[in-house]
């Protein structure tokens, strides 16, 4: 197998089974005697449950059991990441009160999905309603209505990064703005689900939608109080996660708890309406920021005050501001940064990670500040950025927030994006429209960004096995739910082993077959699991060389891997053996060097010292109809730098998907509650997402600055699209509105929002 396939746009290995309908999703997996679980959900946002009438439901056809909080007393989910107040710990079913519309009141178990759903409608809770708080800034006040009275406040987490006291210089420009990062829903194609099957040994086989099989297994273990080795958790093919499926949901654990009670398999599958109500939301930050800069456009100091809406229970969402803090400097040399954050609970759906998790929020705020500074100084937004970039010779660089950046060539990415866009020509067309008073104004938006990938959990596992029939199997601690791991990891192993991709099998997301795994999140997969697979493959080749050296009675340094993948004595092609032949030798200890285990296999755990920091520049071009407020995205240019690229097609696909979600945040998407805590966006007619009709082709280019933090030189790409695109689109719309005196608008930039700003 001559030549390298790294960097080539190979066809996805996964696609044949998906496009022919042979994927295996959780809905395709069924068991004899399985029961269906339906959830009775709170219809009020904050109340004490005074009674629950379950008699009618229990008498319905097919109903096996109805459970309330009393049946799972003491079963609380572990506190995520260890930093939240214990009184805010979440029970499987809350015993004292419900805290958001969609909170669990009871569950019904029946012989079929229809019977379970019908019976759930016959459970009648009685409520003593309590005051509601949906605004995190109000919730953080000392006199706010308490969601957890035993804690004494609604504050789940605070953080402060202090800088020296500040007095602006006499000629300094001071930019102050409040920026709202609206709450978003993840909207994976496949909603949440789980099925749990009890075993005779007291353990469980669990299939669940998850981004981290081992993390989910450990949460099941801690909540149920059984040894984690008794839980075999597997993730089948999965239709998206976007961070929301990092979380373990109480409904998933309830299937396991009930399966153990009843001794039968129990299944739960979420409806789309339930998904919008109870799957964790993202973003949901308010930023009050102040920037101090000289009249030369150089920024001296930024002060951030961040309020995070944690939702009804403080999950990982309460921690997200810490990731925002890490990116407060962006690609700029900012000497002073001050950051204060408060995470407060509210009577809304809990928040968690959503593609980018705190980093898009930091970038949007910073890029809005840069554009506002440019407007104040009557300076081109490109020039303001150039004057503040961290120079290429300054890396590795530690920012004022304490974050270490490994590499950066920010001007190179900016210049490439400007050239691709035809920036000067776009500005000329914009001037023409403005001078003509054209109804359709052109907006050009710029966003230079950095993205901290593998921000935590920088350790993962991989294994490579070669079989006697010249095939191989690779095992990954990461798990794909649309990421193409099966292709990229197979492509990597094929290059190392020189075995054709079609002869390599891929195993993931199975806690009995995967020794350990950190899952897929934070754009970490290729850095962590990919590096482990690369090193394991290299070890397999080294073992094969040792075995051939022993068999050929040759010196080890004279044994090499030929271009066709065979291992033999250098300069003597006839001595070459395939890896399958060497695997047959390896099955007999007599053919092995001392202390080598039988079999041609190796596993490896890769631990990375630092996060990596990819970067780039995105440019958006929009047409704004000044009579209707309608925004049309004309072009979007994405110039990203993810380090080494293993598959151009897959990297481009990640950028496409990220840009789509970023455009959605900028123009369409928001989860809304009214003041009484009632959800206003509980279906896909009121929660709008972008479609192919409104998305132009994404113009992709890239620079390549490798990192020294892993043996592959790779940085992440999965979240870059959401980080670079949202501020570029927002800046473009506000740029188009500059003749009307518009300084800032909060997203989403809907036609009504834009029209109202023009009228104002």
Foldseek 3Di string as FASTA:
>chain_A
DFDAQFAAFDDFPPPVCVVVVNFDAPVNDDDPPEKEKDFQWDQFLKWFFPDKDQVQLCPFPFWDDKFFCVVQPPQWFDAAPPQWDPLLTGHLADNTMHHATLGTGMMIIGRDPVSRVVSSVVMDIDTDGDFFDDALVQQQDQPDDDLRVVVNGQFTDKDKDDDPDDDADPQKDKDWDKFWQFKFAQPFVFFWKKKWAADPVRAIEMETDAQALVVLLVRLCVRVVHDSVRYKYFYGQARDDQFLRNDDHSVRSVQHVVCSVVVGMYIYGDDLLSSLAARAIDDQKMWTKMWIGHLVLETAEMEIEMEHEQEAGNHQSSVLCVVLLLFLQWQFQHQYYIYIYTYGYGSGHGHGHGQQRNQLVSQLVVQLVLLLSCVVSVHPSVVSCVVTGDDQVCPQDAHNSGATAHGDDQVVQVVVLCVVVVVVVQVVVQVVCVVVVHLKHKFKFKTWGKGWFCQDPQKWKKKKFAALVRAIEIEFLEDDNPLSCLPLLLSLLCSLQVRDSVRYHYHYRICVVGVHHDGDDRLRGCQWRVLFSNVFSNVLQLQLLQLLCQVVVHDSVQWDQDSNRFIAGPPDVVSTDHSSNSLVLQQDCVSGDPPDHRGRMGMGMDGFDHTHMKIHMKMWMWIARLVQLDIATDAIETEIEFARGRHPVSLVVLLVVLLQVLLCWQAFAHWDAPSSNRTPQSDPVRGDGDDPVRDDDYHYHYDHDFGPRGPRSGHGRNSVNNNRNNSNVLNRLVRSCVVQVRSHDHDRSYSVSRNVSSVD
